[in-house]
Amino acid sequence: MSRERFTPNDRLFRRSDVDRVIRHGIRVSDYCMTLWVLNNTLERSRIGLRAPRRVGTAVLRNRLRRRVREAFRRNRDRIPVGVDLMCQLRTAEGCSYAVLAESLIRLSVKAARRRPGDRPRRSRSADP
């Protein structure tokens, strides 16, 4: 039972951690969320959440954040171990708990399978 708790160790707290995940992580998206995934040196996964105002009212944004935290907590065994996840919610329409949970799992596995070297890089040269 204690394994399913959502503790402070499961969250991305520091701004520097969040910025690192967004800057260097692999980004994957679907209808409900954008997820950045980056390997960490810990033996557990951590999650950070963003819900911009365009998603809806404060009550709705908080409800969606609670649902994503619950999905992370309950499906920890299906989410890759040793990664930091940064989740930005995109919309509230049609995003029930089941949809958010499946989206979180699918996107985290998809991003964890990709290697950072597979990310498309922008060319710095001015070649036409």
N, C-alpha and C. Protein backbone atom coordinates (compact mmCIF):
# COMPACT_ATOMS: atom_id res chain seq x y z
N MET A 1 0.82 -1.20 0.00
CA MET A 1 0.00 0.00 0.00
C MET A 1 0.85 1.26 0.00
N SER A 2 1.94 1.27 0.77
CA SER A 2 2.78 2.47 0.84
C SER A 2 3.47 2.73 -0.50
N ARG A 3 3.62 1.70 -1.34
CA ARG A 3 4.24 1.85 -2.63
C ARG A 3 3.42 2.77 -3.54
N GLU A 4 2.12 2.81 -3.31
CA GLU A 4 1.25 3.61 -4.16
C GLU A 4 1.11 5.06 -3.71
N ARG A 5 1.73 5.42 -2.62
CA ARG A 5 1.61 6.80 -2.15
C ARG A 5 2.30 7.76 -3.11
N PHE A 6 1.79 8.97 -3.18
CA PHE A 6 2.42 10.02 -3.96
C PHE A 6 3.14 10.93 -2.98
N THR A 7 4.45 10.76 -2.87
CA THR A 7 5.24 11.49 -1.89
C THR A 7 5.93 12.68 -2.53
N PRO A 8 6.48 13.58 -1.74
CA PRO A 8 7.23 14.70 -2.31
C PRO A 8 8.41 14.25 -3.18
N ASN A 9 8.95 13.07 -2.91
CA ASN A 9 10.05 12.55 -3.73
C ASN A 9 9.61 12.19 -5.14
N ASP A 10 8.31 12.12 -5.37
CA ASP A 10 7.78 11.78 -6.69
C ASP A 10 7.54 13.00 -7.56
N ARG A 11 7.80 14.19 -7.03
CA ARG A 11 7.52 15.43 -7.76
C ARG A 11 8.79 16.12 -8.20
N LEU A 12 8.69 16.85 -9.29
CA LEU A 12 9.77 17.75 -9.71
C LEU A 12 9.49 19.09 -9.03
N PHE A 13 10.33 19.46 -8.10
CA PHE A 13 10.12 20.69 -7.34
C PHE A 13 10.89 21.87 -7.90
N ARG A 14 12.17 21.66 -8.12
CA ARG A 14 13.04 22.78 -8.46
C ARG A 14 12.84 23.24 -9.90
N ARG A 15 12.89 24.52 -10.07
CA ARG A 15 12.76 25.11 -11.40
C ARG A 15 13.86 24.60 -12.33
N SER A 16 15.06 24.41 -11.78
CA SER A 16 16.17 23.93 -12.60
C SER A 16 15.90 22.52 -13.13
N ASP A 17 15.25 21.67 -12.34
CA ASP A 17 14.91 20.32 -12.81
C ASP A 17 13.88 20.38 -13.94
N VAL A 18 12.87 21.23 -13.76
CA VAL A 18 11.84 21.37 -14.78
C VAL A 18 12.45 21.91 -16.07
N ASP A 19 13.28 22.94 -15.97
CA ASP A 19 13.92 23.52 -17.16
C ASP A 19 14.81 22.51 -17.86
N ARG A 20 15.52 21.70 -17.09
CA ARG A 20 16.41 20.68 -17.67
C ARG A 20 15.60 19.65 -18.46
N VAL A 21 14.48 19.21 -17.91
CA VAL A 21 13.65 18.22 -18.59
C VAL A 21 13.09 18.80 -19.89
N ILE A 22 12.62 20.04 -19.84
CA ILE A 22 12.04 20.65 -21.04
C ILE A 22 13.11 20.94 -22.08
N ARG A 23 14.27 21.39 -21.66
CA ARG A 23 15.33 21.75 -22.59
C ARG A 23 15.98 20.52 -23.23
N HIS A 24 16.21 19.47 -22.46
CA HIS A 24 16.98 18.33 -22.96
C HIS A 24 16.16 17.06 -23.16
N GLY A 25 14.91 17.06 -22.72
CA GLY A 25 14.09 15.85 -22.80
C GLY A 25 13.49 15.63 -24.18
N ILE A 26 12.94 14.46 -24.34
CA ILE A 26 12.25 14.10 -25.57
C ILE A 26 10.78 14.48 -25.40
N ARG A 27 10.23 15.19 -26.40
CA ARG A 27 8.86 15.66 -26.31
C ARG A 27 7.94 14.79 -27.17
N VAL A 28 6.85 14.37 -26.57
CA VAL A 28 5.81 13.63 -27.28
C VAL A 28 4.47 14.24 -26.87
N SER A 29 3.51 14.20 -27.79
CA SER A 29 2.23 14.85 -27.53
C SER A 29 1.07 14.02 -28.04
N ASP A 30 -0.08 14.29 -27.49
CA ASP A 30 -1.34 13.81 -28.03
C ASP A 30 -2.39 14.87 -27.75
N TYR A 31 -3.64 14.48 -27.87
CA TYR A 31 -4.74 15.42 -27.73
C TYR A 31 -4.80 16.06 -26.34
N CYS A 32 -4.53 15.30 -25.30
CA CYS A 32 -4.70 15.78 -23.93
C CYS A 32 -3.47 16.45 -23.34
N MET A 33 -2.28 16.01 -23.72
CA MET A 33 -1.08 16.51 -23.04
C MET A 33 0.15 16.49 -23.92
N THR A 34 1.12 17.29 -23.52
CA THR A 34 2.47 17.23 -24.06
C THR A 34 3.34 16.74 -22.91
N LEU A 35 4.21 15.78 -23.21
CA LEU A 35 5.03 15.17 -22.18
C LEU A 35 6.49 15.24 -22.60
N TRP A 36 7.34 15.76 -21.71
CA TRP A 36 8.78 15.75 -21.90
C TRP A 36 9.34 14.68 -20.98
N VAL A 37 10.25 13.86 -21.49
CA VAL A 37 10.81 12.75 -20.72
C VAL A 37 12.33 12.81 -20.82
N LEU A 38 12.98 12.71 -19.65
CA LEU A 38 14.44 12.74 -19.59
C LEU A 38 14.90 11.77 -18.52
N ASN A 39 15.93 10.98 -18.83
CA ASN A 39 16.48 10.05 -17.84
C ASN A 39 17.03 10.82 -16.65
N ASN A 40 16.89 10.24 -15.47
CA ASN A 40 17.50 10.82 -14.28
C ASN A 40 18.44 9.79 -13.66
N THR A 41 19.15 10.17 -12.63
CA THR A 41 20.11 9.26 -11.99
C THR A 41 19.51 8.57 -10.78
N LEU A 42 18.22 8.72 -10.58
CA LEU A 42 17.54 8.14 -9.43
C LEU A 42 16.96 6.78 -9.78
N GLU A 43 16.51 6.07 -8.78
CA GLU A 43 15.89 4.76 -9.00
C GLU A 43 14.37 4.86 -8.98
N ARG A 44 13.86 6.05 -9.23
CA ARG A 44 12.42 6.26 -9.28
C ARG A 44 12.13 7.32 -10.34
N SER A 45 10.89 7.36 -10.74
CA SER A 45 10.46 8.37 -11.70
C SER A 45 9.80 9.52 -10.94
N ARG A 46 9.92 10.71 -11.50
CA ARG A 46 9.30 11.89 -10.90
C ARG A 46 8.47 12.59 -11.96
N ILE A 47 7.48 13.37 -11.51
CA ILE A 47 6.61 14.06 -12.45
C ILE A 47 6.41 15.50 -12.02
N GLY A 48 6.31 16.38 -13.01
CA GLY A 48 5.95 17.77 -12.81
C GLY A 48 4.75 18.06 -13.70
N LEU A 49 3.90 18.98 -13.27
CA LEU A 49 2.67 19.25 -14.00
C LEU A 49 2.51 20.73 -14.28
N ARG A 50 2.01 21.03 -15.47
CA ARG A 50 1.64 22.39 -15.86
C ARG A 50 0.24 22.34 -16.44
N ALA A 51 -0.54 23.34 -16.09
CA ALA A 51 -1.88 23.46 -16.66
C ALA A 51 -2.11 24.93 -16.98
N PRO A 52 -1.86 25.34 -18.22
CA PRO A 52 -2.04 26.75 -18.58
C PRO A 52 -3.49 27.20 -18.47
N ARG A 53 -3.70 28.48 -18.38
CA ARG A 53 -5.05 29.02 -18.21
C ARG A 53 -5.98 28.68 -19.37
N ARG A 54 -5.42 28.48 -20.55
CA ARG A 54 -6.28 28.18 -21.70
C ARG A 54 -7.00 26.83 -21.55
N VAL A 55 -6.53 25.99 -20.61
CA VAL A 55 -7.16 24.69 -20.36
C VAL A 55 -8.54 24.89 -19.74
N GLY A 56 -8.70 25.92 -18.92
CA GLY A 56 -10.00 26.16 -18.30
C GLY A 56 -9.86 26.91 -16.99
N THR A 57 -10.91 26.87 -16.20
CA THR A 57 -10.92 27.57 -14.92
C THR A 57 -9.95 26.90 -13.95
N ALA A 58 -9.66 27.58 -12.86
CA ALA A 58 -8.74 27.04 -11.85
C ALA A 58 -9.25 25.71 -11.30
N VAL A 59 -10.55 25.62 -11.10
CA VAL A 59 -11.14 24.38 -10.59
C VAL A 59 -10.88 23.23 -11.56
N LEU A 60 -11.08 23.48 -12.84
CA LEU A 60 -10.87 22.45 -13.85
C LEU A 60 -9.39 22.07 -13.97
N ARG A 61 -8.52 23.07 -13.97
CA ARG A 61 -7.07 22.79 -14.05
C ARG A 61 -6.61 21.96 -12.86
N ASN A 62 -7.08 22.30 -11.67
CA ASN A 62 -6.70 21.53 -10.48
C ASN A 62 -7.23 20.10 -10.54
N ARG A 63 -8.44 19.93 -11.05
CA ARG A 63 -9.01 18.58 -11.18
C ARG A 63 -8.17 17.74 -12.14
N LEU A 64 -7.77 18.34 -13.26
CA LEU A 64 -6.95 17.60 -14.22
C LEU A 64 -5.58 17.25 -13.64
N ARG A 65 -4.99 18.17 -12.89
CA ARG A 65 -3.70 17.87 -12.24
C ARG A 65 -3.85 16.73 -11.25
N ARG A 66 -4.93 16.73 -10.48
CA ARG A 66 -5.16 15.62 -9.53
C ARG A 66 -5.31 14.30 -10.27
N ARG A 67 -6.01 14.32 -11.39
CA ARG A 67 -6.19 13.09 -12.16
C ARG A 67 -4.87 12.56 -12.70
N VAL A 68 -4.02 13.45 -13.19
CA VAL A 68 -2.72 13.01 -13.71
C VAL A 68 -1.85 12.47 -12.58
N ARG A 69 -1.84 13.14 -11.43
CA ARG A 69 -1.08 12.62 -10.28
C ARG A 69 -1.58 11.24 -9.87
N GLU A 70 -2.90 11.08 -9.86
CA GLU A 70 -3.48 9.78 -9.51
C GLU A 70 -3.10 8.72 -10.53
N ALA A 71 -3.12 9.08 -11.81
CA ALA A 71 -2.72 8.13 -12.86
C ALA A 71 -1.26 7.74 -12.69
N PHE A 72 -0.41 8.71 -12.37
CA PHE A 72 1.02 8.42 -12.13
C PHE A 72 1.17 7.49 -10.93
N ARG A 73 0.47 7.78 -9.87
CA ARG A 73 0.56 7.00 -8.64
C ARG A 73 0.08 5.56 -8.84
N ARG A 74 -1.05 5.40 -9.49
CA ARG A 74 -1.64 4.06 -9.65
C ARG A 74 -0.96 3.21 -10.72
N ASN A 75 -0.33 3.85 -11.68
CA ASN A 75 0.26 3.11 -12.80
C ASN A 75 1.78 3.17 -12.80
N ARG A 76 2.36 3.33 -11.65
CA ARG A 76 3.81 3.45 -11.52
C ARG A 76 4.54 2.26 -12.15
N ASP A 77 3.93 1.08 -12.05
CA ASP A 77 4.58 -0.12 -12.60
C ASP A 77 4.57 -0.15 -14.13
N ARG A 78 3.74 0.66 -14.77
CA ARG A 78 3.67 0.72 -16.24
C ARG A 78 4.45 1.89 -16.81
N ILE A 79 4.94 2.78 -15.95
CA ILE A 79 5.72 3.94 -16.38
C ILE A 79 7.20 3.60 -16.22
N PRO A 80 8.03 3.95 -17.20
CA PRO A 80 9.46 3.62 -17.10
C PRO A 80 10.08 4.15 -15.81
N VAL A 81 11.01 3.38 -15.25
CA VAL A 81 11.69 3.75 -14.01
C VAL A 81 12.92 4.59 -14.34
N GLY A 82 13.21 5.57 -13.49
CA GLY A 82 14.41 6.38 -13.66
C GLY A 82 14.29 7.48 -14.69
N VAL A 83 13.08 8.03 -14.83
CA VAL A 83 12.89 9.15 -15.76
C VAL A 83 12.18 10.28 -15.04
N ASP A 84 12.45 11.49 -15.49
CA ASP A 84 11.70 12.66 -15.05
C ASP A 84 10.69 12.98 -16.14
N LEU A 85 9.45 13.20 -15.74
CA LEU A 85 8.37 13.51 -16.66
C LEU A 85 7.88 14.93 -16.38
N MET A 86 7.72 15.71 -17.42
CA MET A 86 7.10 17.02 -17.29
C MET A 86 5.88 17.01 -18.19
N CYS A 87 4.71 17.16 -17.58
CA CYS A 87 3.44 17.04 -18.29
C CYS A 87 2.77 18.41 -18.37
N GLN A 88 2.47 18.84 -19.60
CA GLN A 88 1.71 20.07 -19.78
C GLN A 88 0.37 19.69 -20.39
N LEU A 89 -0.70 19.99 -19.68
CA LEU A 89 -2.04 19.66 -20.15
C LEU A 89 -2.42 20.59 -21.29
N ARG A 90 -3.13 20.05 -22.28
CA ARG A 90 -3.47 20.83 -23.47
C ARG A 90 -4.94 21.20 -23.53
N THR A 91 -5.80 20.31 -23.09
CA THR A 91 -7.24 20.56 -23.16
C THR A 91 -7.95 19.76 -22.08
N ALA A 92 -9.17 20.16 -21.79
CA ALA A 92 -9.96 19.42 -20.80
C ALA A 92 -11.06 18.61 -21.48
N GLU A 93 -11.35 18.93 -22.73
CA GLU A 93 -12.45 18.26 -23.43
C GLU A 93 -12.13 16.79 -23.67
N GLY A 94 -12.98 15.93 -23.19
CA GLY A 94 -12.82 14.50 -23.42
C GLY A 94 -11.68 13.86 -22.67
N CYS A 95 -11.12 14.54 -21.67
CA CYS A 95 -9.98 13.99 -20.93
C CYS A 95 -10.43 13.50 -19.56
N SER A 96 -11.06 12.36 -19.55
CA SER A 96 -11.46 11.73 -18.29
C SER A 96 -10.22 11.12 -17.64
N TYR A 97 -10.41 10.57 -16.45
CA TYR A 97 -9.29 9.93 -15.77
C TYR A 97 -8.70 8.81 -16.63
N ALA A 98 -9.57 7.98 -17.21
CA ALA A 98 -9.10 6.85 -18.01
C ALA A 98 -8.29 7.32 -19.22
N VAL A 99 -8.75 8.37 -19.88
CA VAL A 99 -8.05 8.90 -21.04
C VAL A 99 -6.70 9.48 -20.62
N LEU A 100 -6.68 10.25 -19.54
CA LEU A 100 -5.42 10.83 -19.07
C LEU A 100 -4.43 9.75 -18.64
N ALA A 101 -4.90 8.72 -17.95
CA ALA A 101 -4.01 7.65 -17.49
C ALA A 101 -3.41 6.92 -18.68
N GLU A 102 -4.23 6.56 -19.65
CA GLU A 102 -3.72 5.85 -20.82
C GLU A 102 -2.76 6.73 -21.62
N SER A 103 -3.07 8.00 -21.72
CA SER A 103 -2.20 8.94 -22.43
C SER A 103 -0.85 9.06 -21.74
N LEU A 104 -0.85 9.20 -20.42
CA LEU A 104 0.39 9.31 -19.66
C LEU A 104 1.26 8.07 -19.85
N ILE A 105 0.67 6.91 -19.76
CA ILE A 105 1.43 5.66 -19.90
C ILE A 105 1.97 5.52 -21.31
N ARG A 106 1.11 5.71 -22.31
CA ARG A 106 1.51 5.53 -23.70
C ARG A 106 2.62 6.50 -24.10
N LEU A 107 2.47 7.77 -23.73
CA LEU A 107 3.47 8.77 -24.11
C LEU A 107 4.79 8.55 -23.37
N SER A 108 4.74 8.17 -22.11
CA SER A 108 5.99 7.96 -21.36
C SER A 108 6.76 6.77 -21.92
N VAL A 109 6.07 5.70 -22.27
CA VAL A 109 6.74 4.54 -22.86
C VAL A 109 7.29 4.88 -24.24
N LYS A 110 6.52 5.61 -25.02
CA LYS A 110 6.96 6.01 -26.36
C LYS A 110 8.22 6.85 -26.30
N ALA A 111 8.25 7.83 -25.40
CA ALA A 111 9.42 8.70 -25.28
C ALA A 111 10.62 7.96 -24.71
N ALA A 112 10.39 7.05 -23.77
CA ALA A 112 11.50 6.31 -23.16
C ALA A 112 12.16 5.37 -24.17
N ARG A 113 11.42 4.92 -25.16
CA ARG A 113 11.99 4.04 -26.19
C ARG A 113 12.91 4.79 -27.14
N ARG A 114 12.64 6.07 -27.32
CA ARG A 114 13.48 6.87 -28.21
C ARG A 114 14.75 7.26 -27.49
N ARG A 115 15.82 7.31 -28.21
CA ARG A 115 17.08 7.77 -27.64
C ARG A 115 17.23 9.25 -27.92
N PRO A 116 17.92 10.00 -27.05
CA PRO A 116 18.12 11.43 -27.30
C PRO A 116 18.78 11.70 -28.64
N GLY A 117 19.61 10.80 -29.13
CA GLY A 117 20.26 10.99 -30.42
C GLY A 117 19.29 10.91 -31.58
N ASP A 118 18.09 10.37 -31.35
CA ASP A 118 17.09 10.25 -32.41
C ASP A 118 16.32 11.55 -32.63
N ARG A 119 16.49 12.49 -31.71
CA ARG A 119 15.76 13.75 -31.83
C ARG A 119 16.22 14.50 -33.07
N PRO A 120 15.30 15.04 -33.85
CA PRO A 120 15.72 15.85 -34.99
C PRO A 120 16.44 17.10 -34.50
N ARG A 121 17.52 17.41 -35.12
CA ARG A 121 18.30 18.58 -34.72
C ARG A 121 18.14 19.67 -35.77
N ARG A 122 18.16 20.90 -35.31
CA ARG A 122 18.10 22.04 -36.22
C ARG A 122 19.48 22.30 -36.78
N SER A 123 19.52 22.59 -38.03
CA SER A 123 20.80 22.87 -38.67
C SER A 123 21.23 24.29 -38.32
N ARG A 124 22.49 24.44 -37.98
CA ARG A 124 23.01 25.78 -37.67
C ARG A 124 23.56 26.46 -38.91
N SER A 125 23.78 25.69 -39.96
CA SER A 125 24.35 26.28 -41.17
C SER A 125 23.27 27.04 -41.93
N ALA A 126 23.69 27.95 -42.75
CA ALA A 126 22.76 28.77 -43.52
C ALA A 126 22.61 28.22 -44.93
N ASP A 127 22.81 26.91 -45.10
CA ASP A 127 22.69 26.30 -46.43
C ASP A 127 21.24 26.34 -46.88
N PRO A 128 21.01 26.75 -48.14
CA PRO A 128 19.63 26.79 -48.65
C PRO A 128 19.12 25.44 -49.02
